[in-house]
């Protein structure tokens, strides 16, 4: 089964969603799980965003 390759815009949107959840007071780990990605994928996306 092939994995879905996300577009840059989708990655940025998910990273922003995590930022919003953290600002609302949720812990980072919970916010990452809420959007449905792994912590590794989140940090890789942050690295690419910069």
PDB file of N, CA and C in Angstrom:
ATOM      1  N   UNK A   1       0.848  -1.178   0.000  1.00  0.00           N
ATOM      2  CA  UNK A   1       0.000   0.000   0.000  1.00  0.00           C
ATOM      3  C   UNK A   1       0.891   1.238   0.000  1.00  0.00           C
ATOM      4  N   UNK A   2       0.614   2.170  -0.882  1.00  0.00           N
ATOM      5  CA  UNK A   2       1.434   3.368  -0.982  1.00  0.00           C
ATOM      6  C   UNK A   2       0.977   4.423   0.007  1.00  0.00           C
ATOM      7  N   UNK A   3       1.958   5.129   0.558  1.00  0.00           N
ATOM      8  CA  UNK A   3       1.637   6.241   1.444  1.00  0.00           C
ATOM      9  C   UNK A   3       1.300   7.469   0.623  1.00  0.00           C
ATOM     10  N   UNK A   4       0.473   8.330   1.186  1.00  0.00           N
ATOM     11  CA  UNK A   4       0.088   9.549   0.498  1.00  0.00           C
ATOM     12  C   UNK A   4       1.163  10.613   0.732  1.00  0.00           C
ATOM     13  N   UNK A   5       1.663  11.183  -0.328  1.00  0.00           N
ATOM     14  CA  UNK A   5       2.626  12.277  -0.238  1.00  0.00           C
ATOM     15  C   UNK A   5       1.840  13.573  -0.133  1.00  0.00           C
ATOM     16  N   UNK A   6       2.018  14.272   0.975  1.00  0.00           N
ATOM     17  CA  UNK A   6       1.274  15.505   1.189  1.00  0.00           C
ATOM     18  C   UNK A   6       1.952  16.673   0.490  1.00  0.00           C
ATOM     19  N   UNK A   7       1.146  17.583   0.021  1.00  0.00           N
ATOM     20  CA  UNK A   7       1.658  18.775  -0.629  1.00  0.00           C
ATOM     21  C   UNK A   7       2.139  19.754   0.425  1.00  0.00           C
ATOM     22  N   UNK A   8       2.974  20.677   0.003  1.00  0.00           N
ATOM     23  CA  UNK A   8       3.546  21.654   0.917  1.00  0.00           C
ATOM     24  C   UNK A   8       2.450  22.457   1.634  1.00  0.00           C
ATOM     25  N   UNK A   9       1.413  22.827   0.918  1.00  0.00           N
ATOM     26  CA  UNK A   9       0.331  23.620   1.515  1.00  0.00           C
ATOM     27  C   UNK A   9      -0.391  22.840   2.608  1.00  0.00           C
ATOM     28  N   UNK A  10      -0.566  21.536   2.390  1.00  0.00           N
ATOM     29  CA  UNK A  10      -1.229  20.702   3.397  1.00  0.00           C
ATOM     30  C   UNK A  10      -0.381  20.588   4.660  1.00  0.00           C
ATOM     31  N   UNK A  11       0.924  20.460   4.483  1.00  0.00           N
ATOM     32  CA  UNK A  11       1.826  20.359   5.628  1.00  0.00           C
ATOM     33  C   UNK A  11       1.791  21.645   6.433  1.00  0.00           C
ATOM     34  N   UNK A  12       1.867  22.781   5.764  1.00  0.00           N
ATOM     35  CA  UNK A  12       1.853  24.072   6.446  1.00  0.00           C
ATOM     36  C   UNK A  12       0.527  24.270   7.183  1.00  0.00           C
ATOM     37  N   UNK A  13      -0.571  23.857   6.579  1.00  0.00           N
ATOM     38  CA  UNK A  13      -1.873  23.998   7.226  1.00  0.00           C
ATOM     39  C   UNK A  13      -1.943  23.176   8.505  1.00  0.00           C
ATOM     40  N   UNK A  14      -1.398  21.957   8.482  1.00  0.00           N
ATOM     41  CA  UNK A  14      -1.413  21.120   9.675  1.00  0.00           C
ATOM     42  C   UNK A  14      -0.507  21.692  10.763  1.00  0.00           C
ATOM     43  N   UNK A  15       0.642  22.247  10.365  1.00  0.00           N
ATOM     44  CA  UNK A  15       1.536  22.860  11.346  1.00  0.00           C
ATOM     45  C   UNK A  15       0.874  24.065  12.011  1.00  0.00           C
ATOM     46  N   UNK A  16       0.151  24.832  11.228  1.00  0.00           N
ATOM     47  CA  UNK A  16      -0.569  25.983  11.798  1.00  0.00           C
ATOM     48  C   UNK A  16      -1.674  25.520  12.733  1.00  0.00           C
ATOM     49  N   UNK A  17      -2.317  24.430  12.382  1.00  0.00           N
ATOM     50  CA  UNK A  17      -3.370  23.891  13.241  1.00  0.00           C
ATOM     51  C   UNK A  17      -2.795  23.476  14.588  1.00  0.00           C
ATOM     52  N   UNK A  18      -1.605  22.883  14.584  1.00  0.00           N
ATOM     53  CA  UNK A  18      -0.941  22.517  15.841  1.00  0.00           C
ATOM     54  C   UNK A  18      -0.629  23.768  16.642  1.00  0.00           C
ATOM     55  N   UNK A  19      -0.139  24.822  15.967  1.00  0.00           N
ATOM     56  CA  UNK A  19       0.158  26.074  16.664  1.00  0.00           C
ATOM     57  C   UNK A  19      -1.074  26.631  17.362  1.00  0.00           C
ATOM     58  N   UNK A  20      -2.205  26.582  16.684  1.00  0.00           N
ATOM     59  CA  UNK A  20      -3.458  27.087  17.266  1.00  0.00           C
ATOM     60  C   UNK A  20      -3.853  26.254  18.483  1.00  0.00           C
ATOM     61  N   UNK A  21      -3.766  24.937  18.371  1.00  0.00           N
ATOM     62  CA  UNK A  21      -4.141  24.069  19.486  1.00  0.00           C
ATOM     63  C   UNK A  21      -3.242  24.301  20.697  1.00  0.00           C
ATOM     64  N   UNK A  22      -1.947  24.507  20.452  1.00  0.00           N
ATOM     65  CA  UNK A  22      -1.017  24.756  21.559  1.00  0.00           C
ATOM     66  C   UNK A  22      -1.333  26.102  22.213  1.00  0.00           C
ATOM     67  N   UNK A  23      -1.654  27.092  21.414  1.00  0.00           N
ATOM     68  CA  UNK A  23      -2.004  28.402  21.970  1.00  0.00           C
ATOM     69  C   UNK A  23      -3.302  28.351  22.777  1.00  0.00           C
ATOM     70  N   UNK A  24      -4.166  27.394  22.461  1.00  0.00           N
ATOM     71  CA  UNK A  24      -5.400  27.218  23.216  1.00  0.00           C
ATOM     72  C   UNK A  24      -5.161  26.486  24.532  1.00  0.00           C
ATOM     73  N   UNK A  25      -3.926  26.020  24.753  1.00  0.00           N
ATOM     74  CA  UNK A  25      -3.591  25.399  26.021  1.00  0.00           C
ATOM     75  C   UNK A  25      -3.398  23.899  25.998  1.00  0.00           C
ATOM     76  N   UNK A  26      -3.494  23.291  24.846  1.00  0.00           N
ATOM     77  CA  UNK A  26      -3.272  21.844  24.771  1.00  0.00           C
ATOM     78  C   UNK A  26      -1.782  21.534  24.782  1.00  0.00           C
ATOM     79  N   UNK A  27      -1.384  20.428  25.366  1.00  0.00           N
ATOM     80  CA  UNK A  27       0.030  20.023  25.287  1.00  0.00           C
ATOM     81  C   UNK A  27       0.419  19.714  23.844  1.00  0.00           C
ATOM     82  N   UNK A  28       1.683  19.918  23.522  1.00  0.00           N
ATOM     83  CA  UNK A  28       2.159  19.731  22.158  1.00  0.00           C
ATOM     84  C   UNK A  28       1.910  18.314  21.658  1.00  0.00           C
ATOM     85  N   UNK A  29       2.205  17.319  22.479  1.00  0.00           N
ATOM     86  CA  UNK A  29       2.031  15.925  22.053  1.00  0.00           C
ATOM     87  C   UNK A  29       0.566  15.630  21.716  1.00  0.00           C
ATOM     88  N   UNK A  30      -0.339  16.156  22.508  1.00  0.00           N
ATOM     89  CA  UNK A  30      -1.765  15.935  22.249  1.00  0.00           C
ATOM     90  C   UNK A  30      -2.205  16.642  20.968  1.00  0.00           C
ATOM     91  N   UNK A  31      -1.694  17.842  20.746  1.00  0.00           N
ATOM     92  CA  UNK A  31      -2.045  18.594  19.540  1.00  0.00           C
ATOM     93  C   UNK A  31      -1.553  17.872  18.293  1.00  0.00           C
ATOM     94  N   UNK A  32      -0.358  17.290  18.371  1.00  0.00           N
ATOM     95  CA  UNK A  32       0.184  16.546  17.232  1.00  0.00           C
ATOM     96  C   UNK A  32      -0.680  15.330  16.943  1.00  0.00           C
ATOM     97  N   UNK A  33      -1.095  14.611  17.980  1.00  0.00           N
ATOM     98  CA  UNK A  33      -1.958  13.438  17.781  1.00  0.00           C
ATOM     99  C   UNK A  33      -3.313  13.835  17.222  1.00  0.00           C
ATOM    100  N   UNK A  34      -3.815  15.010  17.608  1.00  0.00           N
ATOM    101  CA  UNK A  34      -5.124  15.469  17.160  1.00  0.00           C
ATOM    102  C   UNK A  34      -5.170  15.648  15.644  1.00  0.00           C
ATOM    103  N   UNK A  35      -4.084  16.147  15.063  1.00  0.00           N
ATOM    104  CA  UNK A  35      -4.092  16.364  13.613  1.00  0.00           C
ATOM    105  C   UNK A  35      -3.783  15.094  12.836  1.00  0.00           C
ATOM    106  N   UNK A  36      -3.380  14.035  13.532  1.00  0.00           N
ATOM    107  CA  UNK A  36      -3.213  12.741  12.887  1.00  0.00           C
ATOM    108  C   UNK A  36      -1.865  12.493  12.249  1.00  0.00           C
ATOM    109  N   UNK A  37      -0.812  13.071  12.816  1.00  0.00           N
ATOM    110  CA  UNK A  37       0.531  12.793  12.321  1.00  0.00           C
ATOM    111  C   UNK A  37       1.400  12.327  13.480  1.00  0.00           C
ATOM    112  N   UNK A  38       2.544  11.761  13.137  1.00  0.00           N
ATOM    113  CA  UNK A  38       3.471  11.344  14.179  1.00  0.00           C
ATOM    114  C   UNK A  38       4.330  12.535  14.588  1.00  0.00           C
ATOM    115  N   UNK A  39       4.967  12.408  15.738  1.00  0.00           N
ATOM    116  CA  UNK A  39       5.846  13.476  16.213  1.00  0.00           C
ATOM    117  C   UNK A  39       6.998  13.687  15.235  1.00  0.00           C
ATOM    118  N   UNK A  40       7.519  12.595  14.679  1.00  0.00           N
ATOM    119  CA  UNK A  40       8.607  12.699  13.714  1.00  0.00           C
ATOM    120  C   UNK A  40       8.178  13.505  12.491  1.00  0.00           C
ATOM    121  N   UNK A  41       6.997  13.233  11.989  1.00  0.00           N
ATOM    122  CA  UNK A  41       6.498  13.957  10.823  1.00  0.00           C
ATOM    123  C   UNK A  41       6.287  15.429  11.156  1.00  0.00           C
ATOM    124  N   UNK A  42       5.822  15.720  12.361  1.00  0.00           N
ATOM    125  CA  UNK A  42       5.622  17.111  12.786  1.00  0.00           C
ATOM    126  C   UNK A  42       6.946  17.863  12.806  1.00  0.00           C
ATOM    127  N   UNK A  43       7.949  17.287  13.443  1.00  0.00           N
ATOM    128  CA  UNK A  43       9.236  17.969  13.546  1.00  0.00           C
ATOM    129  C   UNK A  43       9.927  18.076  12.191  1.00  0.00           C
ATOM    130  N   UNK A  44       9.746  17.092  11.327  1.00  0.00           N
ATOM    131  CA  UNK A  44      10.296  17.167   9.973  1.00  0.00           C
ATOM    132  C   UNK A  44       9.622  18.303   9.210  1.00  0.00           C
ATOM    133  N   UNK A  45       8.323  18.452   9.379  1.00  0.00           N
ATOM    134  CA  UNK A  45       7.607  19.540   8.723  1.00  0.00           C
ATOM    135  C   UNK A  45       8.036  20.904   9.226  1.00  0.00           C
ATOM    136  N   UNK A  46       8.298  20.996  10.532  1.00  0.00           N
ATOM    137  CA  UNK A  46       8.788  22.256  11.099  1.00  0.00           C
ATOM    138  C   UNK A  46      10.144  22.611  10.516  1.00  0.00           C
ATOM    139  N   UNK A  47      10.969  21.614  10.348  1.00  0.00           N
ATOM    140  CA  UNK A  47      12.308  21.826   9.813  1.00  0.00           C
ATOM    141  C   UNK A  47      12.233  22.312   8.357  1.00  0.00           C
ATOM    142  N   UNK A  48      11.307  21.762   7.593  1.00  0.00           N
ATOM    143  CA  UNK A  48      11.158  22.147   6.194  1.00  0.00           C
ATOM    144  C   UNK A  48      10.506  23.526   6.050  1.00  0.00           C
ATOM    145  N   UNK A  49       9.686  23.897   7.017  1.00  0.00           N
ATOM    146  CA  UNK A  49       8.961  25.165   6.941  1.00  0.00           C
ATOM    147  C   UNK A  49       9.907  26.343   7.058  1.00  0.00           C
ATOM    148  N   UNK A  50      10.965  26.197   7.829  1.00  0.00           N
ATOM    149  CA  UNK A  50      11.892  27.302   8.083  1.00  0.00           C
ATOM    150  C   UNK A  50      12.737  27.590   6.904  1.00  0.00           C
TER     151      UNK A  50
END
